[in-house]
Amino acid sequence: MERHPGGDEMLHILDGEVDITVLTDDGRVETTARAGSIFVCPKGLWHRQMSRSGVTVLYATPTKRRSIRSPTILGVRTEISN
């Protein structure tokens, strides 16, 4: 599980699908995001992503740096299930 106190995290599912769990004040929220969808995890909430069959995700995560040029980390991550 991870969380980002600096801002929302955006996940764009490029290929495959991923199960997303978010812990909110009202309890656990679970959803499945499929290729072509975008999921935004609100600032500060604990969350995790688990893929059963593999997924490629483009993500934008806020950083603690106060730079206009680099306010987020952008990356593509491919996960293959075990």
Foldseek 3Di string as FASTA:
>chain_A
DDAAQVWKKKKAWQAAKKWKWWQDPVGIDIDMDHHGDMDIDGHPIDMDIGGPAKTKIWMWGADPDPDPVDGTDTDIDIDGHD
